[in-house]
Every structure is written in structure tokens, then in C-alpha cells.
Amino acid sequence: MLSNPLVAARENELLAALPETEFARLAPALELVPLRLGEVLYEPGLAMRHAFFPTTAVVSLHYVTAAGTSAETTGVGRDGMVGIALFMGGETTPSSAVVQSAGQGWRIAGAALAAAFERGGPLRRLLLAYTQALMTQIAQTAVCYRHHSVEQQLSRWLLATVDRLPPGEIAMTQELAAGLLGVRRESITQAASHLQEGGYIRYRRGHITVLDAPGLQGRACECYGVVKHELQRLLQPAARQPVQHA
């Protein structure tokens, strides 16, 4: 555990949004843990034991079909948390959560999170607001897969991933990108080549660097802006709302 967990927790935007007194109540239940590339945080149909607040890692929530194909429903980084079923009463989901980019995050036992949620106050408001924002992102992703080109989808995904990571390269193979977006590898190759030729990204085997984020946003569909705006719209008021005392 770090000597000053409150400072370290500010790397996760949900924990950073909590008032200091509220975080102080939650801090003893939090543990800073490594999140390793490819680590499965939960699997379909199995009870969740912990929730995670990533700081420098990104986790992919995705669904795998009976035929073995898959697609990402959303990604979670320092902007959110993994494991909303623990306080929503579901305890399991039909999807998986896998670490897409290695780093660290705060882990909390499901029972401790549920108890903190039941106390109400700023944490409950924040988690409910985040749940609505996550639902918006999942719905927008479904629309994106149905109506937008692979190049638009890849641009949207790259922008969202860059927002969730410290500055630097994105470790990503074309096979993994294809699996996350649910498209053929050849489609990712073509889209990445177009974006590199336009000067928006630099791609070398296994790594992507975004060179021109504003330009890349122009290549993306509206889904990126819709999701980002909704997250800000919902979480900022929830964090600012004063505590109501009986």
C-alpha cells in the first residue's frame, strides 16, 4: 500500500471525484494491485469477488459467442471501474473482463463495495451516474458496429484508449484490434494503413502511436464525442452534489 493512498487514488477519476472524507472511509478496503496483460478479471456466469478501479491499465469488457468470435462492448481505464454488478445486485454477467493494457488499479472486495454503496451519499451517486454513462457507451458501441466504417471504429477506439492511458504508445496487434472490434484482420490492416498515410498515427508491429489526436477525431464517427460528453455530463454534477444530512 502506498504511503499516501489519497494522492495515488486521484489517478482514477471516480475515486478522485469523491470528497476526501468519503474516500477516507473507503480507503482501508482498497488495495493497489498490478493488472497484467491478458489477465481475466471475471468470466461469464461466474460470481465476481472484486471490483477494480484502474489507474494505468485498460480493461476490455467483451462478449465471446459460442462460435468463438468476440467483440468489445466497452473499455474501462482511469475513467471508470470494473464490476458494477457487485452493487447493482447481479453478481454475474454473460460477458468477460480482460486486461487489454497492463498497469495498475485499486481492488476492493465485492462485499466491501456493496456495503459502502448501501450507506448512500456521494459514492452511491457517483457509481449510479457512472453506471448510466457506461450504459450509454455500450449502446453507442452497438450503434457504431452497425453503422460506421472500420476506419471510423478504429479511430474512435484509439482516441478512447489514448484518453485512458498515460502518454505513449498503445501496445496493440492487428489481431487483437480485430477481435475487439469484431472485424477481419485485413480490415484493420487497411484502416490502420489509411490513418498512417494521413499522418494521424504511426504503426509498427504491435504498437500504435497517435500523432494527431484532433485530426484523428475528424476521422472518427460521432460516437467518441457522444460518449465522452456523457461521461463528463453525468459524473461532474454527481461529484459536486452536496451530502444531504437527515
C-alpha atoms as a PDB file:
ATOM      1  CA  MET A   1       0.000   0.000   0.000  1.00  0.00           C
ATOM      2  CA  LEU A   2       1.299   3.464  -0.840  1.00  0.00           C
ATOM      3  CA  SER A   3       2.103   5.916   1.950  1.00  0.00           C
ATOM      4  CA  ASN A   4      -0.474   8.382   0.668  1.00  0.00           C
ATOM      5  CA  PRO A   5      -3.313   6.416  -0.981  1.00  0.00           C
ATOM      6  CA  LEU A   6      -5.482   9.519  -1.412  1.00  0.00           C
ATOM      7  CA  VAL A   7      -2.940  11.063  -3.785  1.00  0.00           C
ATOM      8  CA  ALA A   8      -2.474   7.807  -5.719  1.00  0.00           C
ATOM      9  CA  ALA A   9      -6.236   7.292  -5.960  1.00  0.00           C
ATOM     10  CA  ARG A  10      -6.590  10.540  -7.889  1.00  0.00           C
ATOM     11  CA  GLU A  11      -5.187   8.680 -10.870  1.00  0.00           C
ATOM     12  CA  ASN A  12      -8.616   7.048 -11.095  1.00  0.00           C
ATOM     13  CA  GLU A  13     -11.198   9.695 -11.936  1.00  0.00           C
ATOM     14  CA  LEU A  14     -14.052   8.094  -9.982  1.00  0.00           C
ATOM     15  CA  LEU A  15     -12.045   7.829  -6.775  1.00  0.00           C
ATOM     16  CA  ALA A  16     -10.621  11.300  -7.344  1.00  0.00           C
ATOM     17  CA  ALA A  17     -14.155  12.705  -7.570  1.00  0.00           C
ATOM     18  CA  LEU A  18     -15.031  11.528  -4.061  1.00  0.00           C
ATOM     19  CA  PRO A  19     -14.831  14.061  -1.224  1.00  0.00           C
ATOM     20  CA  GLU A  20     -11.776  13.458   0.954  1.00  0.00           C
ATOM     21  CA  THR A  21     -13.864  12.315   3.938  1.00  0.00           C
ATOM     22  CA  GLU A  22     -15.789   9.841   1.767  1.00  0.00           C
ATOM     23  CA  PHE A  23     -12.608   8.415   0.294  1.00  0.00           C
ATOM     24  CA  ALA A  24     -11.081   8.124   3.779  1.00  0.00           C
ATOM     25  CA  ARG A  25     -13.953   5.776   4.725  1.00  0.00           C
ATOM     26  CA  LEU A  26     -13.357   3.671   1.621  1.00  0.00           C
ATOM     27  CA  ALA A  27      -9.528   3.671   1.626  1.00  0.00           C
ATOM     28  CA  PRO A  28      -8.973   0.850   4.178  1.00  0.00           C
ATOM     29  CA  ALA A  29     -10.814  -1.565   1.850  1.00  0.00           C
ATOM     30  CA  LEU A  30      -8.735  -0.625  -1.211  1.00  0.00           C
ATOM     31  CA  GLU A  31      -5.630  -2.482  -2.353  1.00  0.00           C
ATOM     32  CA  LEU A  32      -3.324  -1.310  -5.141  1.00  0.00           C
ATOM     33  CA  VAL A  33      -2.641  -4.310  -7.419  1.00  0.00           C
ATOM     34  CA  PRO A  34      -0.914  -4.998 -10.733  1.00  0.00           C
ATOM     35  CA  LEU A  35      -3.218  -5.685 -13.671  1.00  0.00           C
ATOM     36  CA  ARG A  36      -1.297  -7.900 -16.079  1.00  0.00           C
ATOM     37  CA  LEU A  37      -1.823  -8.074 -19.830  1.00  0.00           C
ATOM     38  CA  GLY A  38      -4.382 -10.762 -20.642  1.00  0.00           C
ATOM     39  CA  GLU A  39      -5.441 -11.230 -17.007  1.00  0.00           C
ATOM     40  CA  VAL A  40      -9.102 -12.256 -16.733  1.00  0.00           C
ATOM     41  CA  LEU A  41     -10.816 -10.231 -14.005  1.00  0.00           C
ATOM     42  CA  TYR A  42     -14.123 -12.035 -14.379  1.00  0.00           C
ATOM     43  CA  GLU A  43     -15.657 -14.665 -16.645  1.00  0.00           C
ATOM     44  CA  PRO A  44     -19.190 -15.235 -17.960  1.00  0.00           C
ATOM     45  CA  GLY A  45     -21.620 -16.609 -15.400  1.00  0.00           C
ATOM     46  CA  LEU A  46     -19.116 -16.762 -12.534  1.00  0.00           C
ATOM     47  CA  ALA A  47     -19.619 -14.773  -9.353  1.00  0.00           C
ATOM     48  CA  MET A  48     -17.453 -11.660  -9.080  1.00  0.00           C
ATOM     49  CA  ARG A  49     -15.288 -11.375  -5.986  1.00  0.00           C
ATOM     50  CA  HIS A  50     -13.732  -7.942  -6.530  1.00  0.00           C
ATOM     51  CA  ALA A  51     -14.301  -4.654  -8.280  1.00  0.00           C
ATOM     52  CA  PHE A  52     -11.424  -2.717  -9.869  1.00  0.00           C
ATOM     53  CA  PHE A  53     -10.685   0.973 -10.330  1.00  0.00           C
ATOM     54  CA  PRO A  54      -7.903   1.057 -12.972  1.00  0.00           C
ATOM     55  CA  THR A  55      -5.263   3.789 -12.836  1.00  0.00           C
ATOM     56  CA  THR A  56      -2.675   2.977 -15.516  1.00  0.00           C
ATOM     57  CA  ALA A  57      -4.320  -0.125 -17.033  1.00  0.00           C
ATOM     58  CA  VAL A  58      -7.177  -0.555 -19.501  1.00  0.00           C
ATOM     59  CA  VAL A  59      -9.691  -3.400 -19.190  1.00  0.00           C
ATOM     60  CA  SER A  60     -11.805  -4.661 -22.075  1.00  0.00           C
ATOM     61  CA  LEU A  61     -15.366  -5.791 -21.411  1.00  0.00           C
ATOM     62  CA  HIS A  62     -16.322  -8.097 -24.235  1.00  0.00           C
ATOM     63  CA  TYR A  63     -18.621 -10.906 -25.248  1.00  0.00           C
ATOM     64  CA  VAL A  64     -17.479 -14.174 -26.806  1.00  0.00           C
ATOM     65  CA  THR A  65     -20.000 -16.092 -28.925  1.00  0.00           C
ATOM     66  CA  ALA A  66     -20.486 -19.851 -28.950  1.00  0.00           C
ATOM     67  CA  ALA A  67     -18.595 -19.898 -32.256  1.00  0.00           C
ATOM     68  CA  GLY A  68     -15.571 -18.290 -30.612  1.00  0.00           C
ATOM     69  CA  THR A  69     -15.843 -14.844 -32.165  1.00  0.00           C
ATOM     70  CA  SER A  70     -15.825 -11.790 -29.905  1.00  0.00           C
ATOM     71  CA  ALA A  71     -16.374  -8.039 -29.782  1.00  0.00           C
ATOM     72  CA  GLU A  72     -15.723  -5.409 -27.155  1.00  0.00           C
ATOM     73  CA  THR A  73     -18.767  -3.783 -25.590  1.00  0.00           C
ATOM     74  CA  THR A  74     -16.707  -1.123 -23.824  1.00  0.00           C
ATOM     75  CA  GLY A  75     -13.293  -0.375 -22.357  1.00  0.00           C
ATOM     76  CA  VAL A  76     -12.549   0.836 -18.841  1.00  0.00           C
ATOM     77  CA  GLY A  77      -9.477   2.741 -17.726  1.00  0.00           C
ATOM     78  CA  ARG A  78      -8.773   5.502 -15.261  1.00  0.00           C
ATOM     79  CA  ASP A  79     -12.148   6.982 -16.220  1.00  0.00           C
ATOM     80  CA  GLY A  80     -14.176   4.242 -14.527  1.00  0.00           C
ATOM     81  CA  MET A  81     -14.486   0.922 -12.749  1.00  0.00           C
ATOM     82  CA  VAL A  82     -14.978  -2.776 -13.487  1.00  0.00           C
ATOM     83  CA  GLY A  83     -17.629  -4.756 -11.616  1.00  0.00           C
ATOM     84  CA  ILE A  84     -20.843  -2.724 -11.458  1.00  0.00           C
ATOM     85  CA  ALA A  85     -22.830  -5.958 -10.969  1.00  0.00           C
ATOM     86  CA  LEU A  86     -21.483  -6.098  -7.403  1.00  0.00           C
ATOM     87  CA  PHE A  87     -23.540  -3.095  -6.300  1.00  0.00           C
ATOM     88  CA  MET A  88     -26.373  -3.462  -8.831  1.00  0.00           C
ATOM     89  CA  GLY A  89     -27.355  -6.864  -7.410  1.00  0.00           C
ATOM     90  CA  GLY A  90     -26.495  -9.056 -10.388  1.00  0.00           C
ATOM     91  CA  GLU A  91     -23.225 -10.585  -9.118  1.00  0.00           C
ATOM     92  CA  THR A  92     -22.564 -12.202 -12.534  1.00  0.00           C
ATOM     93  CA  THR A  93     -22.693 -11.148 -16.211  1.00  0.00           C
ATOM     94  CA  PRO A  94     -22.620 -13.058 -19.528  1.00  0.00           C
ATOM     95  CA  SER A  95     -19.500 -11.130 -20.617  1.00  0.00           C
ATOM     96  CA  SER A  96     -15.814 -11.161 -19.707  1.00  0.00           C
ATOM     97  CA  ALA A  97     -13.376  -8.551 -18.402  1.00  0.00           C
ATOM     98  CA  VAL A  98      -9.794  -8.923 -19.640  1.00  0.00           C
ATOM     99  CA  VAL A  99      -6.813  -6.603 -19.136  1.00  0.00           C
ATOM    100  CA  GLN A 100      -6.109  -5.082 -22.545  1.00  0.00           C
ATOM    101  CA  SER A 101      -3.241  -2.825 -21.496  1.00  0.00           C
ATOM    102  CA  ALA A 102      -1.137  -3.705 -18.440  1.00  0.00           C
ATOM    103  CA  GLY A 103      -0.777  -1.350 -15.496  1.00  0.00           C
ATOM    104  CA  GLN A 104      -2.195  -0.940 -12.012  1.00  0.00           C
ATOM    105  CA  GLY A 105      -5.525  -0.409 -10.337  1.00  0.00           C
ATOM    106  CA  TRP A 106      -7.299  -0.346  -6.991  1.00  0.00           C
ATOM    107  CA  ARG A 107      -9.069  -3.562  -5.981  1.00  0.00           C
ATOM    108  CA  ILE A 108     -11.905  -3.784  -3.473  1.00  0.00           C
ATOM    109  CA  ALA A 109     -13.782  -6.840  -2.228  1.00  0.00           C
ATOM    110  CA  GLY A 110     -17.328  -7.065  -3.544  1.00  0.00           C
ATOM    111  CA  ALA A 111     -18.845  -7.177  -0.065  1.00  0.00           C
ATOM    112  CA  ALA A 112     -16.976  -4.034   0.993  1.00  0.00           C
ATOM    113  CA  LEU A 113     -18.099  -2.141  -2.120  1.00  0.00           C
ATOM    114  CA  ALA A 114     -21.717  -3.257  -1.683  1.00  0.00           C
ATOM    115  CA  ALA A 115     -21.688  -2.131   1.964  1.00  0.00           C
ATOM    116  CA  ALA A 116     -20.245   1.263   1.020  1.00  0.00           C
ATOM    117  CA  PHE A 117     -22.860   1.619  -1.719  1.00  0.00           C
ATOM    118  CA  GLU A 118     -25.683   0.825   0.713  1.00  0.00           C
ATOM    119  CA  ARG A 119     -24.531   3.643   3.015  1.00  0.00           C
ATOM    120  CA  GLY A 120     -25.578   6.080   0.294  1.00  0.00           C
ATOM    121  CA  GLY A 121     -24.038   9.517  -0.053  1.00  0.00           C
ATOM    122  CA  PRO A 122     -21.508  10.688  -2.674  1.00  0.00           C
ATOM    123  CA  LEU A 123     -20.204   7.208  -3.509  1.00  0.00           C
ATOM    124  CA  ARG A 124     -23.646   5.857  -4.371  1.00  0.00           C
ATOM    125  CA  ARG A 125     -24.496   8.918  -6.505  1.00  0.00           C
ATOM    126  CA  LEU A 126     -21.190   8.672  -8.329  1.00  0.00           C
ATOM    127  CA  LEU A 127     -21.461   4.944  -9.033  1.00  0.00           C
ATOM    128  CA  LEU A 128     -25.047   5.265 -10.289  1.00  0.00           C
ATOM    129  CA  ALA A 129     -24.058   8.144 -12.554  1.00  0.00           C
ATOM    130  CA  TYR A 130     -21.128   6.105 -13.855  1.00  0.00           C
ATOM    131  CA  THR A 131     -23.435   3.135 -14.497  1.00  0.00           C
ATOM    132  CA  GLN A 132     -25.646   5.339 -16.676  1.00  0.00           C
ATOM    133  CA  ALA A 133     -22.582   6.618 -18.539  1.00  0.00           C
ATOM    134  CA  LEU A 134     -21.411   3.030 -19.058  1.00  0.00           C
ATOM    135  CA  MET A 135     -24.816   2.050 -20.439  1.00  0.00           C
ATOM    136  CA  THR A 136     -24.581   4.949 -22.877  1.00  0.00           C
ATOM    137  CA  GLN A 137     -21.145   3.792 -24.001  1.00  0.00           C
ATOM    138  CA  ILE A 138     -22.309   0.203 -24.542  1.00  0.00           C
ATOM    139  CA  ALA A 139     -25.344   1.367 -26.525  1.00  0.00           C
ATOM    140  CA  GLN A 140     -23.239   3.756 -28.608  1.00  0.00           C
ATOM    141  CA  THR A 141     -20.738   0.982 -29.324  1.00  0.00           C
ATOM    142  CA  ALA A 142     -23.550  -1.219 -30.660  1.00  0.00           C
ATOM    143  CA  VAL A 143     -24.646   1.595 -32.985  1.00  0.00           C
ATOM    144  CA  CYS A 144     -21.048   2.135 -34.061  1.00  0.00           C
ATOM    145  CA  TYR A 145     -20.557  -1.520 -35.021  1.00  0.00           C
ATOM    146  CA  ARG A 146     -23.749  -1.485 -37.082  1.00  0.00           C
ATOM    147  CA  HIS A 147     -23.500   1.826 -38.928  1.00  0.00           C
ATOM    148  CA  HIS A 148     -19.898   3.074 -39.095  1.00  0.00           C
ATOM    149  CA  SER A 149     -16.886   2.044 -41.140  1.00  0.00           C
ATOM    150  CA  VAL A 150     -13.951   0.084 -39.730  1.00  0.00           C
ATOM    151  CA  GLU A 151     -11.742   3.159 -40.090  1.00  0.00           C
ATOM    152  CA  GLN A 152     -14.211   5.217 -38.055  1.00  0.00           C
ATOM    153  CA  GLN A 153     -14.467   2.475 -35.425  1.00  0.00           C
ATOM    154  CA  LEU A 154     -10.678   2.131 -35.172  1.00  0.00           C
ATOM    155  CA  SER A 155     -10.275   5.902 -34.853  1.00  0.00           C
ATOM    156  CA  ARG A 156     -12.911   6.015 -32.125  1.00  0.00           C
ATOM    157  CA  TRP A 157     -11.292   3.126 -30.276  1.00  0.00           C
ATOM    158  CA  LEU A 158      -7.796   4.649 -30.495  1.00  0.00           C
ATOM    159  CA  LEU A 159      -8.989   8.015 -29.157  1.00  0.00           C
ATOM    160  CA  ALA A 160     -10.817   6.390 -26.245  1.00  0.00           C
ATOM    161  CA  THR A 161      -7.778   4.238 -25.419  1.00  0.00           C
ATOM    162  CA  VAL A 162      -5.409   7.230 -25.503  1.00  0.00           C
ATOM    163  CA  ASP A 163      -7.718   9.063 -23.070  1.00  0.00           C
ATOM    164  CA  ARG A 164      -7.415   6.163 -20.615  1.00  0.00           C
ATOM    165  CA  LEU A 165      -3.639   5.678 -20.719  1.00  0.00           C
ATOM    166  CA  PRO A 166      -0.529   7.641 -19.737  1.00  0.00           C
ATOM    167  CA  PRO A 167       1.111   9.315 -22.760  1.00  0.00           C
ATOM    168  CA  GLY A 168       2.980   6.936 -25.041  1.00  0.00           C
ATOM    169  CA  GLU A 169       2.432   4.062 -27.409  1.00  0.00           C
ATOM    170  CA  ILE A 170      -0.530   1.717 -27.402  1.00  0.00           C
ATOM    171  CA  ALA A 171       0.565  -1.916 -27.360  1.00  0.00           C
ATOM    172  CA  MET A 172      -1.835  -3.471 -29.848  1.00  0.00           C
ATOM    173  CA  THR A 173      -1.578  -6.146 -32.509  1.00  0.00           C
ATOM    174  CA  GLN A 174      -3.853  -6.112 -35.524  1.00  0.00           C
ATOM    175  CA  GLU A 175      -5.239  -9.487 -34.433  1.00  0.00           C
ATOM    176  CA  LEU A 176      -6.255  -8.079 -31.044  1.00  0.00           C
ATOM    177  CA  ALA A 177      -7.778  -4.943 -32.582  1.00  0.00           C
ATOM    178  CA  ALA A 178      -9.756  -7.097 -34.997  1.00  0.00           C
ATOM    179  CA  GLY A 179     -11.020  -9.241 -32.116  1.00  0.00           C
ATOM    180  CA  LEU A 180     -12.045  -6.219 -30.057  1.00  0.00           C
ATOM    181  CA  LEU A 181     -13.939  -4.623 -32.942  1.00  0.00           C
ATOM    182  CA  GLY A 182     -15.334  -7.922 -34.237  1.00  0.00           C
ATOM    183  CA  VAL A 183     -13.964  -7.479 -37.783  1.00  0.00           C
ATOM    184  CA  ARG A 184     -11.474  -9.251 -40.052  1.00  0.00           C
ATOM    185  CA  ARG A 185      -7.751  -8.622 -39.526  1.00  0.00           C
ATOM    186  CA  GLU A 186      -7.455  -7.454 -43.142  1.00  0.00           C
ATOM    187  CA  SER A 187      -9.961  -4.683 -42.443  1.00  0.00           C
ATOM    188  CA  ILE A 188      -7.850  -3.431 -39.525  1.00  0.00           C
ATOM    189  CA  THR A 189      -4.708  -3.531 -41.692  1.00  0.00           C
ATOM    190  CA  GLN A 190      -6.366  -1.405 -44.360  1.00  0.00           C
ATOM    191  CA  ALA A 191      -7.823   1.087 -41.882  1.00  0.00           C
ATOM    192  CA  ALA A 192      -4.530   1.462 -39.988  1.00  0.00           C
ATOM    193  CA  SER A 193      -2.663   1.986 -43.270  1.00  0.00           C
ATOM    194  CA  HIS A 194      -5.045   4.792 -44.270  1.00  0.00           C
ATOM    195  CA  LEU A 195      -4.644   6.514 -40.911  1.00  0.00           C
ATOM    196  CA  GLN A 196      -0.861   6.210 -41.053  1.00  0.00           C
ATOM    197  CA  GLU A 197      -0.721   7.581 -44.602  1.00  0.00           C
ATOM    198  CA  GLY A 198      -2.766  10.553 -43.401  1.00  0.00           C
ATOM    199  CA  GLY A 199      -0.276  11.254 -40.604  1.00  0.00           C
ATOM    200  CA  TYR A 200      -2.757  10.558 -37.808  1.00  0.00           C
ATOM    201  CA  ILE A 201      -0.946   7.558 -36.334  1.00  0.00           C
ATOM    202  CA  ARG A 202       2.365   5.736 -36.548  1.00  0.00           C
ATOM    203  CA  TYR A 203       2.065   1.985 -36.650  1.00  0.00           C
ATOM    204  CA  ARG A 204       4.794  -0.595 -36.216  1.00  0.00           C
ATOM    205  CA  ARG A 205       4.296  -4.223 -35.417  1.00  0.00           C
ATOM    206  CA  GLY A 206       2.464  -4.451 -32.113  1.00  0.00           C
ATOM    207  CA  HIS A 207       2.485  -0.719 -31.302  1.00  0.00           C
ATOM    208  CA  ILE A 208       0.446   2.323 -32.324  1.00  0.00           C
ATOM    209  CA  THR A 209       1.263   5.954 -31.533  1.00  0.00           C
ATOM    210  CA  VAL A 210      -1.386   8.640 -32.052  1.00  0.00           C
ATOM    211  CA  LEU A 211       0.373  11.591 -33.685  1.00  0.00           C
ATOM    212  CA  ASP A 212      -2.596  13.866 -34.382  1.00  0.00           C
ATOM    213  CA  ALA A 213      -5.493  13.362 -31.950  1.00  0.00           C
ATOM    214  CA  PRO A 214      -7.596  16.321 -33.233  1.00  0.00           C
ATOM    215  CA  GLY A 215      -7.150  15.085 -36.804  1.00  0.00           C
ATOM    216  CA  LEU A 216      -7.992  11.541 -35.763  1.00  0.00           C
ATOM    217  CA  GLN A 217     -11.170  12.808 -34.137  1.00  0.00           C
ATOM    218  CA  GLY A 218     -12.147  14.152 -37.540  1.00  0.00           C
ATOM    219  CA  ARG A 219     -11.746  10.644 -38.969  1.00  0.00           C
ATOM    220  CA  ALA A 220     -13.783   9.062 -36.167  1.00  0.00           C
ATOM    221  CA  CYS A 221     -17.561   8.859 -36.019  1.00  0.00           C
ATOM    222  CA  GLU A 222     -19.640  10.928 -33.603  1.00  0.00           C
ATOM    223  CA  CYS A 223     -19.646   8.048 -31.091  1.00  0.00           C
ATOM    224  CA  TYR A 224     -16.386   9.171 -29.471  1.00  0.00           C
ATOM    225  CA  GLY A 225     -17.693  12.657 -28.732  1.00  0.00           C
ATOM    226  CA  VAL A 226     -21.098  11.428 -27.558  1.00  0.00           C
ATOM    227  CA  VAL A 227     -19.603   9.029 -25.012  1.00  0.00           C
ATOM    228  CA  LYS A 228     -17.002  11.499 -23.735  1.00  0.00           C
ATOM    229  CA  HIS A 229     -19.573  14.270 -23.301  1.00  0.00           C
ATOM    230  CA  GLU A 230     -21.999  11.967 -21.498  1.00  0.00           C
ATOM    231  CA  LEU A 231     -19.323  10.803 -19.061  1.00  0.00           C
ATOM    232  CA  GLN A 232     -18.450  14.404 -18.200  1.00  0.00           C
ATOM    233  CA  ARG A 233     -22.098  15.477 -18.037  1.00  0.00           C
ATOM    234  CA  LEU A 234     -23.059  12.763 -15.571  1.00  0.00           C
ATOM    235  CA  LEU A 235     -20.010  12.479 -13.334  1.00  0.00           C
ATOM    236  CA  GLN A 236     -19.155  16.115 -12.691  1.00  0.00           C
ATOM    237  CA  PRO A 237     -22.553  17.039 -11.179  1.00  0.00           C
ATOM    238  CA  ALA A 238     -22.619  13.769  -9.184  1.00  0.00           C
ATOM    239  CA  ALA A 239     -19.225  14.596  -7.684  1.00  0.00           C
ATOM    240  CA  ARG A 240     -20.213  18.177  -6.830  1.00  0.00           C
ATOM    241  CA  GLN A 241     -23.606  17.373  -5.274  1.00  0.00           C
ATOM    242  CA  PRO A 242     -23.554  18.092  -1.526  1.00  0.00           C
ATOM    243  CA  VAL A 243     -24.283  15.405   1.025  1.00  0.00           C
ATOM    244  CA  GLN A 244     -27.806  15.537   2.439  1.00  0.00           C
ATOM    245  CA  HIS A 245     -27.939  15.042   6.198  1.00  0.00           C
ATOM    246  CA  ALA A 246     -31.028  13.798   7.979  1.00  0.00           C
END
